[in-house]
Amino acid sequence: MTKAELIAAVSPFVATFGAELSDEQWSQYHLALKDVNPGDLDDAMADLRKSHAFRNAPLPAEFLDRCRVHQRERMASKPVERFDKPDPSAGEWRTHTIDGLGSIRLRVLPDDHHSLPRYACLRCKDTSWDEITERKPGIQPTYRRCGCWASNPVLQQQRTRQADHARKRTS
């Protein structure tokens, strides 16, 4: 959230207390609240309107505490993506033999089955690392960057989350 967006959102609320904030005070509010979801900020202001016991405008830390409460509630209410359990009769029977142990017969689902996880890149399975050599006993496999590492949406989301986490730790 930019400083101008924050001022536009919070100034009517602060004006109800008769407070006029200086540019430096708005800068402090912006530093504290720049990473807050605007919806959480609106909910926090609604809470503060109902339970406000101050004579002056709430401090940035009070806004931030309320925003964190609403963020936790919002995250807890998000549905968890779950994979369907496959039908026990789905797939085809295949026999797999393991040297020294014998063979086992089991059902193998097709690659496009709806209960299997989906990857944006099947070559690296969204890890950004592609195996060059075939796996052989006693030989360490060699890896290289997969061609999808710059454009894979799953990897971009991971990098964004890691950057946000690092930025929050340093600030």
Protein backbone atom coordinates (compact mmCIF):
# COMPACT_ATOMS: atom_id res chain seq x y z
CA MET A 1 0.00 0.00 0.00
CA THR A 2 1.40 3.37 -0.96
CA LYS A 3 1.53 6.31 1.39
CA ALA A 4 -1.17 8.14 -0.58
CA GLU A 5 -3.49 5.11 -0.43
CA LEU A 6 -2.91 4.85 3.32
CA ILE A 7 -3.67 8.53 3.88
CA ALA A 8 -6.85 8.24 1.79
CA ALA A 9 -8.00 5.20 3.74
CA VAL A 10 -7.10 6.29 7.28
CA SER A 11 -7.51 10.09 7.27
CA PRO A 12 -11.36 10.07 7.56
CA PHE A 13 -11.05 7.73 10.52
CA VAL A 14 -8.35 9.83 12.21
CA ALA A 15 -10.35 13.02 11.54
CA THR A 16 -13.16 11.73 13.79
CA PHE A 17 -10.78 12.20 16.71
CA GLY A 18 -9.95 15.74 15.65
CA ALA A 19 -6.36 14.75 14.91
CA GLU A 20 -4.36 16.28 12.10
CA LEU A 21 -1.23 14.28 11.41
CA SER A 22 1.96 15.84 10.09
CA ASP A 23 3.84 14.44 7.11
CA GLU A 24 6.35 12.78 9.48
CA GLN A 25 3.56 11.11 11.43
CA TRP A 26 2.00 9.83 8.18
CA SER A 27 5.43 8.46 7.25
CA GLN A 28 5.52 6.52 10.51
CA TYR A 29 2.00 5.15 9.89
CA HIS A 30 3.08 4.16 6.37
CA LEU A 31 6.21 2.37 7.61
CA ALA A 32 4.13 0.35 10.04
CA LEU A 33 1.18 -0.39 7.75
CA LYS A 34 2.64 -0.58 4.22
CA ASP A 35 2.46 -4.41 4.03
CA VAL A 36 -1.04 -4.68 5.45
CA ASN A 37 -3.91 -5.99 3.33
CA PRO A 38 -6.36 -3.09 2.71
CA GLY A 39 -9.30 -5.31 3.67
CA ASP A 40 -7.65 -6.13 6.99
CA LEU A 41 -7.05 -2.41 7.56
CA ASP A 42 -10.74 -1.66 6.94
CA ASP A 43 -11.74 -4.40 9.40
CA ALA A 44 -9.24 -3.07 11.95
CA MET A 45 -10.69 0.44 11.69
CA ALA A 46 -14.20 -0.98 12.15
CA ASP A 47 -13.02 -2.76 15.32
CA LEU A 48 -11.33 0.37 16.61
CA ARG A 49 -14.50 2.41 15.98
CA LYS A 50 -16.51 -0.01 18.11
CA SER A 51 -14.06 -0.43 20.95
CA HIS A 52 -12.02 2.74 20.93
CA ALA A 53 -11.23 4.05 24.39
CA PHE A 54 -8.71 6.73 23.43
CA ARG A 55 -9.07 10.49 23.25
CA ASN A 56 -6.57 10.70 20.40
CA ALA A 57 -6.14 8.75 17.19
CA PRO A 58 -4.89 5.14 17.57
CA LEU A 59 -1.17 4.57 17.20
CA PRO A 60 0.22 2.58 14.24
CA ALA A 61 0.95 -0.38 16.52
CA GLU A 62 -2.72 -0.54 17.53
CA PHE A 63 -3.76 -0.59 13.88
CA LEU A 64 -1.16 -3.26 13.17
CA ASP A 65 -2.30 -5.48 16.07
CA ARG A 66 -5.90 -5.39 14.84
CA CYS A 67 -4.81 -6.02 11.25
CA ARG A 68 -2.86 -9.11 12.33
CA VAL A 69 -5.93 -10.47 14.12
CA HIS A 70 -8.00 -10.09 10.96
CA GLN A 71 -5.21 -11.54 8.82
CA ARG A 72 -5.12 -14.67 11.01
CA GLU A 73 -8.91 -14.98 10.79
CA ARG A 74 -8.80 -14.59 7.01
CA MET A 75 -6.04 -17.19 6.65
CA ALA A 76 -7.88 -19.64 8.90
CA SER A 77 -11.05 -19.30 6.83
CA LYS A 78 -9.33 -20.13 3.51
CA PRO A 79 -10.29 -23.57 2.22
CA VAL A 80 -7.49 -26.12 2.16
CA GLU A 81 -6.90 -27.69 -1.23
CA ARG A 82 -7.23 -31.43 -0.95
CA PHE A 83 -6.73 -34.12 -3.49
CA ASP A 84 -9.47 -36.63 -4.07
CA LYS A 85 -8.74 -40.15 -2.93
CA PRO A 86 -8.53 -42.36 -5.97
CA ASP A 87 -11.08 -45.07 -6.49
CA PRO A 88 -9.49 -48.40 -5.47
CA SER A 89 -10.51 -49.89 -8.81
CA ALA A 90 -8.99 -47.02 -10.86
CA GLY A 91 -5.83 -47.53 -12.84
CA GLU A 92 -4.29 -50.64 -14.33
CA TRP A 93 -2.57 -53.58 -12.70
CA ARG A 94 1.21 -53.63 -13.09
CA THR A 95 3.82 -55.99 -11.72
CA HIS A 96 7.04 -54.46 -10.39
CA THR A 97 10.09 -56.60 -9.65
CA ILE A 98 12.76 -55.61 -7.15
CA ASP A 99 16.01 -57.58 -7.35
CA GLY A 100 16.53 -59.73 -4.28
CA LEU A 101 13.05 -58.98 -2.86
CA GLY A 102 10.67 -60.37 -5.44
CA SER A 103 7.75 -58.80 -7.24
CA ILE A 104 4.71 -56.87 -6.25
CA ARG A 105 1.52 -56.28 -8.17
CA LEU A 106 -0.34 -53.02 -7.75
CA ARG A 107 -2.60 -50.56 -9.50
CA VAL A 108 -0.94 -47.61 -11.22
CA LEU A 109 -2.98 -44.50 -11.99
CA PRO A 110 -2.60 -42.77 -15.36
CA ASP A 111 -0.64 -39.50 -15.39
CA ASP A 112 -3.75 -37.44 -16.09
CA HIS A 113 -5.78 -38.86 -13.19
CA HIS A 114 -7.64 -36.14 -11.25
CA SER A 115 -6.36 -37.21 -7.83
CA LEU A 116 -2.67 -36.87 -8.70
CA PRO A 117 -0.86 -33.60 -7.93
CA ARG A 118 -0.34 -31.27 -10.88
CA TYR A 119 2.96 -29.65 -11.74
CA ALA A 120 3.57 -26.60 -13.91
CA CYS A 121 6.71 -28.37 -15.21
CA LEU A 122 6.73 -32.15 -15.43
CA ARG A 123 10.46 -32.29 -16.17
CA CYS A 124 11.57 -30.82 -12.82
CA LYS A 125 8.29 -31.21 -10.87
CA ASP A 126 8.46 -27.51 -9.88
CA THR A 127 11.84 -27.82 -8.14
CA SER A 128 13.73 -25.84 -10.87
CA TRP A 129 16.35 -28.62 -11.08
CA ASP A 130 16.52 -31.06 -14.00
CA GLU A 131 18.39 -34.38 -13.69
CA ILE A 132 21.00 -34.81 -16.44
CA THR A 133 22.27 -38.34 -15.82
CA GLU A 134 20.20 -41.43 -15.29
CA ARG A 135 20.15 -42.81 -11.77
CA LYS A 136 22.47 -45.80 -11.44
CA PRO A 137 23.56 -47.57 -8.27
CA GLY A 138 26.71 -46.00 -6.85
CA ILE A 139 26.69 -43.00 -9.22
CA GLN A 140 25.64 -39.60 -7.98
CA PRO A 141 23.15 -37.96 -10.40
CA THR A 142 24.02 -34.60 -11.95
CA TYR A 143 21.52 -31.72 -12.00
CA ARG A 144 21.17 -28.44 -13.89
CA ARG A 145 18.72 -25.56 -13.81
CA CYS A 146 15.51 -26.42 -15.60
CA GLY A 147 14.47 -24.14 -18.45
CA CYS A 148 11.27 -23.23 -16.59
CA TRP A 149 12.93 -21.63 -13.56
CA ALA A 150 12.33 -18.05 -14.76
CA SER A 151 8.76 -18.51 -15.99
CA ASN A 152 7.27 -21.22 -13.74
CA PRO A 153 4.35 -19.65 -11.78
CA VAL A 154 4.82 -22.00 -8.81
CA LEU A 155 8.49 -21.03 -8.47
CA GLN A 156 7.62 -17.32 -8.86
CA GLN A 157 5.14 -17.61 -5.98
CA GLN A 158 7.80 -19.31 -3.83
CA ARG A 159 10.34 -16.57 -4.61
CA THR A 160 7.77 -13.87 -3.79
CA ARG A 161 6.95 -15.51 -0.44
CA GLN A 162 10.65 -15.87 0.40
CA ALA A 163 11.34 -12.23 -0.51
CA ASP A 164 8.39 -11.04 1.59
CA HIS A 165 9.62 -13.11 4.52
CA ALA A 166 13.17 -11.79 4.19
CA ARG A 167 11.93 -8.20 3.91
CA LYS A 168 9.81 -8.59 7.06
CA ARG A 169 12.77 -10.08 8.96
CA THR A 170 15.06 -7.19 8.06
CA SER A 171 12.56 -4.42 8.74
